[in-house]
Every structure is written in structure tokens, then in C-alpha cells.
């Protein structure tokens, strides 16, 4: 299982990640509010401004202070490490 750092030492499973979106649009704000009401919201911002919303395949919504591009770059680094390990195994 590969983990992606989303800030402040918080990690998420790369395999469970479905989308990384900006929190500014009305539909995303609705999704965040509904998740808060259902209890499926994880706030990993540590009091900072939310810059990205991560949606997982288990219907969890995760808020992070990192920008979407930063999380995506860290995800790509994780995937590159996985490809390197698989090539070494062969």
C-alpha cells in the first residue's frame, strides 16, 4: 500500500484516492457540507485555509491545506516509486 503525504504528517492511501478538486465551486461546497453532516468528513487542514478536497472510493471527503497540484505531484512521485520497485523485482 502506497501512502501520500497531505500535510502535517497526515497520509492517505494512494489506491483509495478518486479525485483531488478545488474547494471553490458550489457543487464541491455541497459535497463537503453533506459529508460534514454524515460524519464522513476528515479535516486535515489544522486550522489553515482549505485549498484542496480529496474524494476517496470509500465515500470519505478529506480537506487539506495543500494545493491540488501539490497533492497530485506527490501522488505521481508515489506512483513512480512503485514503478521503480516493480522494475527492480523483475
Protein backbone atom coordinates (compact mmCIF):
# COMPACT_ATOMS: atom_id res chain seq x y z
CA UNK A 1 0.00 0.00 0.00
CA UNK A 2 1.40 3.38 -1.03
CA UNK A 3 0.70 6.44 1.10
CA UNK A 4 0.60 10.08 0.00
CA UNK A 5 1.52 12.87 2.43
CA UNK A 6 -1.25 15.50 2.55
CA UNK A 7 0.48 17.74 5.07
CA UNK A 8 1.29 17.84 8.78
CA UNK A 9 2.29 14.17 8.69
CA UNK A 10 -1.17 13.06 7.53
CA UNK A 11 -1.18 10.31 4.94
CA UNK A 12 -3.82 8.79 2.66
CA UNK A 13 -3.79 5.60 0.65
CA UNK A 14 -2.97 6.30 -3.00
CA UNK A 15 -5.10 3.35 -4.12
CA UNK A 16 -8.26 4.76 -2.46
CA UNK A 17 -7.99 8.24 -3.99
CA UNK A 18 -10.62 9.05 -6.63
CA UNK A 19 -10.32 12.82 -7.16
CA UNK A 20 -8.48 15.92 -6.00
CA UNK A 21 -10.62 19.02 -6.56
CA UNK A 22 -10.68 22.72 -5.74
CA UNK A 23 -13.00 23.69 -2.86
CA UNK A 24 -14.29 26.83 -4.59
CA UNK A 25 -17.20 25.55 -6.68
CA UNK A 26 -20.74 25.29 -5.34
CA UNK A 27 -21.07 21.52 -6.01
CA UNK A 28 -17.89 20.78 -4.05
CA UNK A 29 -19.05 23.02 -1.19
CA UNK A 30 -22.29 21.00 -1.13
CA UNK A 31 -20.36 17.71 -1.08
CA UNK A 32 -18.24 18.98 1.84
CA UNK A 33 -21.32 20.14 3.77
CA UNK A 34 -23.11 16.81 3.21
CA UNK A 35 -20.02 14.90 4.34
CA UNK A 36 -19.84 17.02 7.48
CA UNK A 37 -23.49 16.22 8.25
CA UNK A 38 -22.98 12.48 7.60
CA UNK A 39 -19.75 12.34 9.59
CA UNK A 40 -17.60 11.30 6.65
CA UNK A 41 -15.51 14.49 6.53
CA UNK A 42 -11.86 14.43 7.59
CA UNK A 43 -10.36 17.87 8.17
CA UNK A 44 -6.57 17.65 7.79
CA UNK A 45 -6.05 21.42 7.46
CA UNK A 46 -5.00 22.03 11.10
CA UNK A 47 -6.94 25.29 11.03
CA UNK A 48 -5.50 26.57 7.78
CA UNK A 49 -7.42 27.53 4.67
CA UNK A 50 -8.72 24.56 2.64
CA UNK A 51 -7.03 24.52 -0.77
CA UNK A 52 -7.94 21.03 -1.97
CA UNK A 53 -10.68 18.48 -1.37
CA UNK A 54 -9.80 14.82 -1.75
CA UNK A 55 -12.54 12.33 -2.56
CA UNK A 56 -11.96 8.65 -1.83
CA UNK A 57 -13.64 5.50 -3.10
CA UNK A 58 -14.93 4.78 0.41
CA UNK A 59 -17.07 7.97 0.32
CA UNK A 60 -14.75 9.91 2.63
CA UNK A 61 -14.09 13.58 1.95
CA UNK A 62 -10.70 14.88 3.10
CA UNK A 63 -9.78 18.56 3.37
CA UNK A 64 -6.15 19.63 3.06
CA UNK A 65 -4.32 22.95 3.08
CA UNK A 66 -2.09 21.81 0.19
CA UNK A 67 -2.96 22.85 -3.34
CA UNK A 68 -4.36 20.25 -5.73
CA UNK A 69 -1.21 20.39 -7.85
CA UNK A 70 0.99 19.64 -4.84
CA UNK A 71 -1.04 16.59 -3.83
CA UNK A 72 -1.08 15.38 -7.46
CA UNK A 73 2.71 15.78 -7.71
CA UNK A 74 3.19 13.78 -4.51
CA UNK A 75 0.85 11.12 -5.89
CA UNK A 76 2.89 10.94 -9.11
CA UNK A 77 6.09 10.57 -7.07
CA UNK A 78 4.48 7.67 -5.20
CA UNK A 79 3.44 6.01 -8.47
CA UNK A 80 6.94 6.48 -9.91
CA UNK A 81 8.44 4.82 -6.84
CA UNK A 82 6.06 1.89 -7.31
CA UNK A 83 7.07 1.50 -10.97
CA UNK A 84 10.76 1.57 -9.98
CA UNK A 85 10.21 -1.14 -7.35
CA UNK A 86 8.34 -3.35 -9.83
CA UNK A 87 11.13 -2.97 -12.38
CA UNK A 88 13.70 -3.94 -9.74
CA UNK A 89 11.71 -7.09 -8.90
CA UNK A 90 11.92 -8.35 -12.49
